[in-house]
Amino acid sequence: MTLRIGIAGLTGRMGALLVDEVPAAGALLVGGIGRPGSARAVPAGATLHADIAALAAASDVVIDFTHAATAVAHADALAAAGTAWVLGTSGLAGADEAAVAAAAQRIPVVYAANFSAGVNLVLALAERMGAALPAADYDAEIVEMHHRQKVDAPSGTAIGIGRAVAKGRGVVLEDVMESGRHGHTGPRKPGAIGFAALRGGQIVGEHTLIFAAATEQIALTHRAFDRRSFAQGAVRAARWLAGRPPGLFSMMDVLGMG
């Protein structure tokens, strides 16, 4: 039976790529929903559904690249319909993530900061480096740059890298995170994981993890040149979810690295 995939965020940048990638992967594109008032047209060959509930009813899996403000409503609608969910929306707050976790008790969910294979390898390496390089000796800093239209900072991928480092060090990121330093901040706090967010032009995404010690510096960088890698990864996740039991999964699970 052909897998039916819907797209939440049909009129966005990722939506246009997913319209190509879903049928290319042998799945059936059932259409999607777009942002009300969006200036972008619905991609050719795609059907616009009335709302998330209608899309969920028509789909086996919904791929969701929308806005953090939609997370709770989408979690409720997809859980109620029993529709699997691939969620790539960034900037989710604690309450949003709690709604995602609650939905995952009823449906299978892949929630990832980034769907590219390369970034997920970086996340795996970041955790190992965090464990191997003591916080007392190696200061961890994460620098990211994205296009001028991006509305959240730091990026979801940057936070994912920070969480990987924190996990390797046996701490919670929120307890050691330093972001947006400005003015007379005093010396760097021991064990902090720092973030710097740059915005400009049409940069798809650049992330660098730096470990700086008194005697050496190590930098791990990923640069994305085409959003299509994210779309291909999201479709791969959707196909992987088909037939899975309820649960909260990551792209690491999809890649067999979980």
C-alpha atoms as a PDB file:
ATOM      1  CA  MET A   1       0.000   0.000   0.000  1.00  0.00           C
ATOM      2  CA  THR A   2       1.387   3.396  -1.001  1.00  0.00           C
ATOM      3  CA  LEU A   3       2.317   5.655   1.914  1.00  0.00           C
ATOM      4  CA  ARG A   4       0.202   8.827   2.017  1.00  0.00           C
ATOM      5  CA  ILE A   5       2.199  11.896   3.076  1.00  0.00           C
ATOM      6  CA  GLY A   6       0.797  15.351   3.870  1.00  0.00           C
ATOM      7  CA  ILE A   7       2.799  18.557   4.248  1.00  0.00           C
ATOM      8  CA  ALA A   8       2.167  21.164   6.944  1.00  0.00           C
ATOM      9  CA  GLY A   9       3.897  24.251   5.609  1.00  0.00           C
ATOM     10  CA  LEU A  10       3.041  23.626   1.985  1.00  0.00           C
ATOM     11  CA  THR A  11       3.614  27.233   0.921  1.00  0.00           C
ATOM     12  CA  GLY A  12       6.962  27.554   2.689  1.00  0.00           C
ATOM     13  CA  ARG A  13      10.452  26.993   1.309  1.00  0.00           C
ATOM     14  CA  MET A  14      10.581  23.422   2.541  1.00  0.00           C
ATOM     15  CA  GLY A  15       7.067  22.748   1.296  1.00  0.00           C
ATOM     16  CA  ALA A  16       8.038  23.395  -2.322  1.00  0.00           C
ATOM     17  CA  LEU A  17      10.943  20.941  -2.041  1.00  0.00           C
ATOM     18  CA  LEU A  18       8.839  18.309  -0.318  1.00  0.00           C
ATOM     19  CA  VAL A  19       6.310  18.459  -3.165  1.00  0.00           C
ATOM     20  CA  ASP A  20       9.128  17.137  -5.380  1.00  0.00           C
ATOM     21  CA  GLU A  21      10.692  14.717  -2.911  1.00  0.00           C
ATOM     22  CA  VAL A  22       7.556  12.888  -1.707  1.00  0.00           C
ATOM     23  CA  PRO A  23       6.636  11.360  -5.109  1.00  0.00           C
ATOM     24  CA  ALA A  24      10.331  10.858  -5.912  1.00  0.00           C
ATOM     25  CA  ALA A  25      10.485   8.531  -2.897  1.00  0.00           C
ATOM     26  CA  GLY A  26       7.529   6.502  -4.175  1.00  0.00           C
ATOM     27  CA  ALA A  27       4.994   7.961  -1.726  1.00  0.00           C
ATOM     28  CA  LEU A  28       1.666   9.636  -2.473  1.00  0.00           C
ATOM     29  CA  LEU A  29       1.434  13.383  -1.880  1.00  0.00           C
ATOM     30  CA  VAL A  30      -2.048  14.075  -0.489  1.00  0.00           C
ATOM     31  CA  GLY A  31      -1.504  17.843  -0.282  1.00  0.00           C
ATOM     32  CA  GLY A  32      -1.015  20.090   2.693  1.00  0.00           C
ATOM     33  CA  ILE A  33      -1.830  23.251   4.572  1.00  0.00           C
ATOM     34  CA  GLY A  34      -0.212  26.653   4.188  1.00  0.00           C
ATOM     35  CA  ARG A  35       0.165  29.761   6.294  1.00  0.00           C
ATOM     36  CA  PRO A  36      -2.929  31.983   6.024  1.00  0.00           C
ATOM     37  CA  GLY A  37      -2.128  35.070   3.981  1.00  0.00           C
ATOM     38  CA  SER A  38       1.113  33.639   2.605  1.00  0.00           C
ATOM     39  CA  ALA A  39       2.336  35.428  -0.500  1.00  0.00           C
ATOM     40  CA  ARG A  40       3.725  32.158  -1.838  1.00  0.00           C
ATOM     41  CA  ALA A  41       1.488  30.190  -4.164  1.00  0.00           C
ATOM     42  CA  VAL A  42       0.537  26.573  -3.553  1.00  0.00           C
ATOM     43  CA  PRO A  43       3.075  24.466  -5.501  1.00  0.00           C
ATOM     44  CA  ALA A  44       1.798  22.989  -8.749  1.00  0.00           C
ATOM     45  CA  GLY A  45       0.300  19.537  -8.319  1.00  0.00           C
ATOM     46  CA  ALA A  46      -0.469  19.991  -4.610  1.00  0.00           C
ATOM     47  CA  THR A  47      -3.890  20.175  -2.959  1.00  0.00           C
ATOM     48  CA  LEU A  48      -4.566  22.695  -0.189  1.00  0.00           C
ATOM     49  CA  HIS A  49      -6.562  21.256   2.740  1.00  0.00           C
ATOM     50  CA  ALA A  50      -8.779  23.309   5.029  1.00  0.00           C
ATOM     51  CA  ASP A  51      -6.845  22.735   8.247  1.00  0.00           C
ATOM     52  CA  ILE A  52      -4.517  20.374  10.106  1.00  0.00           C
ATOM     53  CA  ALA A  53      -7.409  18.071  11.103  1.00  0.00           C
ATOM     54  CA  ALA A  54      -8.432  17.588   7.466  1.00  0.00           C
ATOM     55  CA  LEU A  55      -4.827  16.963   6.435  1.00  0.00           C
ATOM     56  CA  ALA A  56      -4.319  14.477   9.267  1.00  0.00           C
ATOM     57  CA  ALA A  57      -7.441  12.558   8.220  1.00  0.00           C
ATOM     58  CA  ALA A  58      -6.133  12.222   4.652  1.00  0.00           C
ATOM     59  CA  SER A  59      -2.567  11.228   5.567  1.00  0.00           C
ATOM     60  CA  ASP A  60      -0.609   8.315   7.020  1.00  0.00           C
ATOM     61  CA  VAL A  61       2.224  10.689   7.935  1.00  0.00           C
ATOM     62  CA  VAL A  62       2.360  14.489   8.115  1.00  0.00           C
ATOM     63  CA  ILE A  63       5.671  16.274   7.603  1.00  0.00           C
ATOM     64  CA  ASP A  64       5.581  19.547   9.520  1.00  0.00           C
ATOM     65  CA  PHE A  65       7.824  22.557   8.869  1.00  0.00           C
ATOM     66  CA  THR A  66       5.684  25.422  10.140  1.00  0.00           C
ATOM     67  CA  HIS A  67       5.961  27.705  13.172  1.00  0.00           C
ATOM     68  CA  ALA A  68       6.395  27.052  16.879  1.00  0.00           C
ATOM     69  CA  ALA A  69       2.983  28.642  17.516  1.00  0.00           C
ATOM     70  CA  THR A  70       1.291  25.723  15.721  1.00  0.00           C
ATOM     71  CA  ALA A  71       2.980  22.921  17.662  1.00  0.00           C
ATOM     72  CA  VAL A  72       0.346  22.358  20.349  1.00  0.00           C
ATOM     73  CA  ALA A  73      -2.617  22.456  17.935  1.00  0.00           C
ATOM     74  CA  HIS A  74      -0.842  20.127  15.495  1.00  0.00           C
ATOM     75  CA  ALA A  75       0.076  17.729  18.302  1.00  0.00           C
ATOM     76  CA  ASP A  76      -3.557  17.528  19.399  1.00  0.00           C
ATOM     77  CA  ALA A  77      -4.949  17.089  15.860  1.00  0.00           C
ATOM     78  CA  LEU A  78      -2.453  14.444  14.751  1.00  0.00           C
ATOM     79  CA  ALA A  79      -2.779  12.461  17.972  1.00  0.00           C
ATOM     80  CA  ALA A  80      -6.568  12.530  17.679  1.00  0.00           C
ATOM     81  CA  ALA A  81      -6.387  11.251  14.079  1.00  0.00           C
ATOM     82  CA  GLY A  82      -3.741   8.622  14.838  1.00  0.00           C
ATOM     83  CA  THR A  83      -1.489  10.099  12.136  1.00  0.00           C
ATOM     84  CA  ALA A  84       2.298   9.784  12.372  1.00  0.00           C
ATOM     85  CA  TRP A  85       4.232  13.052  12.591  1.00  0.00           C
ATOM     86  CA  VAL A  86       7.611  14.202  11.282  1.00  0.00           C
ATOM     87  CA  LEU A  87       8.298  17.500  13.030  1.00  0.00           C
ATOM     88  CA  GLY A  88      11.069  19.830  11.922  1.00  0.00           C
ATOM     89  CA  THR A  89       9.741  23.110  13.307  1.00  0.00           C
ATOM     90  CA  SER A  90      12.338  24.972  15.387  1.00  0.00           C
ATOM     91  CA  GLY A  91      12.029  27.417  18.265  1.00  0.00           C
ATOM     92  CA  LEU A  92       9.716  25.235  20.374  1.00  0.00           C
ATOM     93  CA  ALA A  93       9.306  26.259  24.024  1.00  0.00           C
ATOM     94  CA  GLY A  94       9.053  23.848  26.934  1.00  0.00           C
ATOM     95  CA  ALA A  95       5.248  23.709  26.779  1.00  0.00           C
ATOM     96  CA  ASP A  96       5.402  22.990  23.034  1.00  0.00           C
ATOM     97  CA  GLU A  97       7.857  20.139  23.545  1.00  0.00           C
ATOM     98  CA  ALA A  98       5.646  18.768  26.315  1.00  0.00           C
ATOM     99  CA  ALA A  99       2.741  18.664  23.838  1.00  0.00           C
ATOM    100  CA  VAL A 100       4.933  16.818  21.332  1.00  0.00           C
ATOM    101  CA  ALA A 101       5.922  14.278  24.011  1.00  0.00           C
ATOM    102  CA  ALA A 102       2.268  13.811  24.974  1.00  0.00           C
ATOM    103  CA  ALA A 103       1.311  13.185  21.334  1.00  0.00           C
ATOM    104  CA  ALA A 104       4.126  10.611  21.077  1.00  0.00           C
ATOM    105  CA  GLN A 105       2.327   8.495  23.658  1.00  0.00           C
ATOM    106  CA  ARG A 106      -0.447   8.005  21.076  1.00  0.00           C
ATOM    107  CA  ILE A 107       1.347   8.235  17.693  1.00  0.00           C
ATOM    108  CA  PRO A 108       4.888   7.722  16.358  1.00  0.00           C
ATOM    109  CA  VAL A 109       6.776  11.040  16.115  1.00  0.00           C
ATOM    110  CA  VAL A 110      10.175  11.915  14.672  1.00  0.00           C
ATOM    111  CA  TYR A 111      11.192  15.273  16.144  1.00  0.00           C
ATOM    112  CA  ALA A 112      14.524  16.596  14.903  1.00  0.00           C
ATOM    113  CA  ALA A 113      16.332  19.904  14.849  1.00  0.00           C
ATOM    114  CA  ASN A 114      17.830  18.988  11.497  1.00  0.00           C
ATOM    115  CA  PHE A 115      17.143  16.195   9.010  1.00  0.00           C
ATOM    116  CA  SER A 116      20.448  16.109   7.123  1.00  0.00           C
ATOM    117  CA  ALA A 117      22.664  13.060   7.607  1.00  0.00           C
ATOM    118  CA  GLY A 118      25.718  15.290   8.001  1.00  0.00           C
ATOM    119  CA  VAL A 119      24.279  17.322  10.864  1.00  0.00           C
ATOM    120  CA  ASN A 120      23.239  14.185  12.708  1.00  0.00           C
ATOM    121  CA  LEU A 121      26.784  12.862  12.439  1.00  0.00           C
ATOM    122  CA  VAL A 122      27.934  16.200  13.903  1.00  0.00           C
ATOM    123  CA  LEU A 123      25.500  15.700  16.801  1.00  0.00           C
ATOM    124  CA  ALA A 124      26.943  12.248  17.480  1.00  0.00           C
ATOM    125  CA  LEU A 125      30.486  13.622  17.403  1.00  0.00           C
ATOM    126  CA  ALA A 126      29.510  16.593  19.600  1.00  0.00           C
ATOM    127  CA  GLU A 127      28.330  14.250  22.343  1.00  0.00           C
ATOM    128  CA  ARG A 128      31.535  12.202  22.190  1.00  0.00           C
ATOM    129  CA  MET A 129      33.677  15.339  22.221  1.00  0.00           C
ATOM    130  CA  GLY A 130      31.723  16.724  25.152  1.00  0.00           C
ATOM    131  CA  ALA A 131      32.446  13.548  27.090  1.00  0.00           C
ATOM    132  CA  ALA A 132      36.135  13.477  26.139  1.00  0.00           C
ATOM    133  CA  LEU A 133      37.020  17.152  26.616  1.00  0.00           C
ATOM    134  CA  PRO A 134      36.563  18.250  30.272  1.00  0.00           C
ATOM    135  CA  ALA A 135      34.513  21.403  30.808  1.00  0.00           C
ATOM    136  CA  ALA A 136      37.125  22.661  33.268  1.00  0.00           C
ATOM    137  CA  ASP A 137      39.734  22.768  30.477  1.00  0.00           C
ATOM    138  CA  TYR A 138      37.767  23.143  27.230  1.00  0.00           C
ATOM    139  CA  ASP A 139      35.301  26.003  26.721  1.00  0.00           C
ATOM    140  CA  ALA A 140      32.476  25.031  24.358  1.00  0.00           C
ATOM    141  CA  GLU A 141      31.081  27.669  21.984  1.00  0.00           C
ATOM    142  CA  ILE A 142      28.585  27.246  19.140  1.00  0.00           C
ATOM    143  CA  VAL A 143      28.367  29.754  16.290  1.00  0.00           C
ATOM    144  CA  GLU A 144      25.569  29.598  13.724  1.00  0.00           C
ATOM    145  CA  MET A 145      24.585  31.709  10.723  1.00  0.00           C
ATOM    146  CA  HIS A 146      21.345  31.690   8.739  1.00  0.00           C
ATOM    147  CA  HIS A 147      19.440  33.769   6.194  1.00  0.00           C
ATOM    148  CA  ARG A 148      17.950  37.095   7.209  1.00  0.00           C
ATOM    149  CA  GLN A 149      14.374  35.742   7.261  1.00  0.00           C
ATOM    150  CA  LYS A 150      14.942  33.261  10.094  1.00  0.00           C
ATOM    151  CA  VAL A 151      12.822  34.245  13.097  1.00  0.00           C
ATOM    152  CA  ASP A 152      14.298  32.188  15.968  1.00  0.00           C
ATOM    153  CA  ALA A 153      17.749  32.239  17.549  1.00  0.00           C
ATOM    154  CA  PRO A 154      19.797  30.289  18.355  1.00  0.00           C
ATOM    155  CA  SER A 155      18.759  27.863  15.645  1.00  0.00           C
ATOM    156  CA  GLY A 156      17.217  24.542  16.553  1.00  0.00           C
ATOM    157  CA  THR A 157      20.287  22.803  15.165  1.00  0.00           C
ATOM    158  CA  ALA A 158      22.612  24.917  17.323  1.00  0.00           C
ATOM    159  CA  ILE A 159      20.569  24.061  20.405  1.00  0.00           C
ATOM    160  CA  GLY A 160      20.682  20.398  19.357  1.00  0.00           C
ATOM    161  CA  ILE A 161      24.476  20.576  19.188  1.00  0.00           C
ATOM    162  CA  GLY A 162      24.543  22.230  22.604  1.00  0.00           C
ATOM    163  CA  ARG A 163      22.338  19.513  24.051  1.00  0.00           C
ATOM    164  CA  ALA A 164      24.641  16.866  22.608  1.00  0.00           C
ATOM    165  CA  VAL A 165      27.679  18.476  24.263  1.00  0.00           C
ATOM    166  CA  ALA A 166      25.772  18.831  27.524  1.00  0.00           C
ATOM    167  CA  LYS A 167      24.702  15.183  27.405  1.00  0.00           C
ATOM    168  CA  GLY A 168      28.305  14.140  26.903  1.00  0.00           C
ATOM    169  CA  ARG A 169      29.255  16.193  29.961  1.00  0.00           C
ATOM    170  CA  GLY A 170      26.402  14.855  32.069  1.00  0.00           C
ATOM    171  CA  VAL A 171      24.663  18.219  32.512  1.00  0.00           C
ATOM    172  CA  VAL A 172      21.420  19.856  31.355  1.00  0.00           C
ATOM    173  CA  LEU A 173      21.930  22.466  28.632  1.00  0.00           C
ATOM    174  CA  GLU A 174      19.489  24.952  30.166  1.00  0.00           C
ATOM    175  CA  ASP A 175      21.641  25.014  33.329  1.00  0.00           C
ATOM    176  CA  VAL A 176      24.840  26.006  31.500  1.00  0.00           C
ATOM    177  CA  MET A 177      23.653  27.838  28.373  1.00  0.00           C
ATOM    178  CA  GLU A 178      24.914  31.382  27.661  1.00  0.00           C
ATOM    179  CA  SER A 179      23.388  33.152  24.678  1.00  0.00           C
ATOM    180  CA  GLY A 180      23.476  36.694  23.328  1.00  0.00           C
ATOM    181  CA  ARG A 181      26.251  38.160  25.461  1.00  0.00           C
ATOM    182  CA  HIS A 182      26.193  41.953  25.545  1.00  0.00           C
ATOM    183  CA  GLY A 183      27.822  44.664  27.608  1.00  0.00           C
ATOM    184  CA  HIS A 184      29.922  44.087  30.700  1.00  0.00           C
ATOM    185  CA  THR A 185      29.216  40.393  31.250  1.00  0.00           C
ATOM    186  CA  GLY A 186      32.169  39.574  33.481  1.00  0.00           C
ATOM    187  CA  PRO A 187      34.433  36.588  32.864  1.00  0.00           C
ATOM    188  CA  ARG A 188      33.166  33.450  31.196  1.00  0.00           C
ATOM    189  CA  LYS A 189      31.406  31.099  33.599  1.00  0.00           C
ATOM    190  CA  PRO A 190      33.204  27.765  34.118  1.00  0.00           C
ATOM    191  CA  GLY A 191      31.443  24.965  32.266  1.00  0.00           C
ATOM    192  CA  ALA A 192      29.236  27.277  30.193  1.00  0.00           C
ATOM    193  CA  ILE A 193      28.147  26.353  26.674  1.00  0.00           C
ATOM    194  CA  GLY A 194      28.018  29.576  24.673  1.00  0.00           C
ATOM    195  CA  PHE A 195      25.951  30.475  21.612  1.00  0.00           C
ATOM    196  CA  ALA A 196      26.329  33.183  18.980  1.00  0.00           C
ATOM    197  CA  ALA A 197      23.712  33.691  16.244  1.00  0.00           C
ATOM    198  CA  LEU A 198      24.475  35.536  12.995  1.00  0.00           C
ATOM    199  CA  ARG A 199      21.850  36.525  10.420  1.00  0.00           C
ATOM    200  CA  GLY A 200      22.328  37.808   6.889  1.00  0.00           C
ATOM    201  CA  GLY A 201      21.866  37.226   3.188  1.00  0.00           C
ATOM    202  CA  GLN A 202      20.458  33.868   2.127  1.00  0.00           C
ATOM    203  CA  ILE A 203      22.726  31.490   4.071  1.00  0.00           C
ATOM    204  CA  VAL A 204      20.988  28.094   4.223  1.00  0.00           C
ATOM    205  CA  GLY A 205      22.727  27.118   7.444  1.00  0.00           C
ATOM    206  CA  GLU A 206      26.202  27.086   8.959  1.00  0.00           C
ATOM    207  CA  HIS A 207      27.097  25.666  12.373  1.00  0.00           C
ATOM    208  CA  THR A 208      30.475  25.495  14.085  1.00  0.00           C
ATOM    209  CA  LEU A 209      31.194  23.840  17.422  1.00  0.00           C
ATOM    210  CA  ILE A 210      34.388  25.125  19.040  1.00  0.00           C
ATOM    211  CA  PHE A 211      36.266  23.629  21.980  1.00  0.00           C
ATOM    212  CA  ALA A 212      38.879  26.147  23.152  1.00  0.00           C
ATOM    213  CA  ALA A 213      41.544  25.258  25.721  1.00  0.00           C
ATOM    214  CA  ALA A 214      44.667  27.088  26.847  1.00  0.00           C
ATOM    215  CA  THR A 215      46.831  24.885  24.623  1.00  0.00           C
ATOM    216  CA  GLU A 216      44.644  24.009  21.627  1.00  0.00           C
ATOM    217  CA  GLN A 217      41.404  24.658  19.768  1.00  0.00           C
ATOM    218  CA  ILE A 218      39.168  22.183  17.975  1.00  0.00           C
ATOM    219  CA  ALA A 219      36.424  23.231  15.545  1.00  0.00           C
ATOM    220  CA  LEU A 220      33.738  21.059  13.963  1.00  0.00           C
ATOM    221  CA  THR A 221      31.796  22.742  11.133  1.00  0.00           C
ATOM    222  CA  HIS A 222      28.812  21.819   8.984  1.00  0.00           C
ATOM    223  CA  ARG A 223      27.646  23.958   6.052  1.00  0.00           C
ATOM    224  CA  ALA A 224      24.391  23.346   4.199  1.00  0.00           C
ATOM    225  CA  PHE A 225      24.286  24.575   0.598  1.00  0.00           C
ATOM    226  CA  ASP A 226      20.843  23.292  -0.417  1.00  0.00           C
ATOM    227  CA  ARG A 227      17.677  22.787   1.651  1.00  0.00           C
ATOM    228  CA  ARG A 228      16.879  19.746  -0.452  1.00  0.00           C
ATOM    229  CA  SER A 229      18.989  17.602   1.885  1.00  0.00           C
ATOM    230  CA  PHE A 230      16.578  18.523   4.709  1.00  0.00           C
ATOM    231  CA  ALA A 231      13.551  17.617   2.561  1.00  0.00           C
ATOM    232  CA  GLN A 232      15.064  14.283   1.544  1.00  0.00           C
ATOM    233  CA  GLY A 233      15.847  13.484   5.173  1.00  0.00           C
ATOM    234  CA  ALA A 234      12.306  14.366   6.273  1.00  0.00           C
ATOM    235  CA  VAL A 235      10.803  12.068   3.628  1.00  0.00           C
ATOM    236  CA  ARG A 236      13.199   9.321   4.724  1.00  0.00           C
ATOM    237  CA  ALA A 237      11.937   9.830   8.283  1.00  0.00           C
ATOM    238  CA  ALA A 238       8.321   9.646   7.116  1.00  0.00           C
ATOM    239  CA  ARG A 239       8.929   6.341   5.347  1.00  0.00           C
ATOM    240  CA  TRP A 240      10.750   4.995   8.420  1.00  0.00           C
ATOM    241  CA  LEU A 241       7.794   5.914  10.655  1.00  0.00           C
ATOM    242  CA  ALA A 242       5.294   3.878   8.652  1.00  0.00           C
ATOM    243  CA  GLY A 243       3.974   1.081  10.855  1.00  0.00           C
ATOM    244  CA  ARG A 244       5.950   2.122  13.938  1.00  0.00           C
ATOM    245  CA  PRO A 245       4.329   2.028  17.371  1.00  0.00           C
ATOM    246  CA  PRO A 246       3.781   5.264  19.319  1.00  0.00           C
ATOM    247  CA  GLY A 247       6.969   6.846  20.575  1.00  0.00           C
ATOM    248  CA  LEU A 248       9.229   9.887  20.343  1.00  0.00           C
ATOM    249  CA  PHE A 249      12.081   9.256  17.923  1.00  0.00           C
ATOM    250  CA  SER A 250      14.981  11.302  16.570  1.00  0.00           C
ATOM    251  CA  MET A 251      16.750  11.403  13.233  1.00  0.00           C
ATOM    252  CA  MET A 252      19.464   9.346  14.919  1.00  0.00           C
ATOM    253  CA  ASP A 253      16.920   6.518  15.158  1.00  0.00           C
ATOM    254  CA  VAL A 254      16.028   6.909  11.482  1.00  0.00           C
ATOM    255  CA  LEU A 255      19.717   6.683  10.515  1.00  0.00           C
ATOM    256  CA  GLY A 256      20.268   3.654  12.737  1.00  0.00           C
ATOM    257  CA  MET A 257      22.495   5.606  15.121  1.00  0.00           C
ATOM    258  CA  GLY A 258      20.090   5.856  18.062  1.00  0.00           C
END
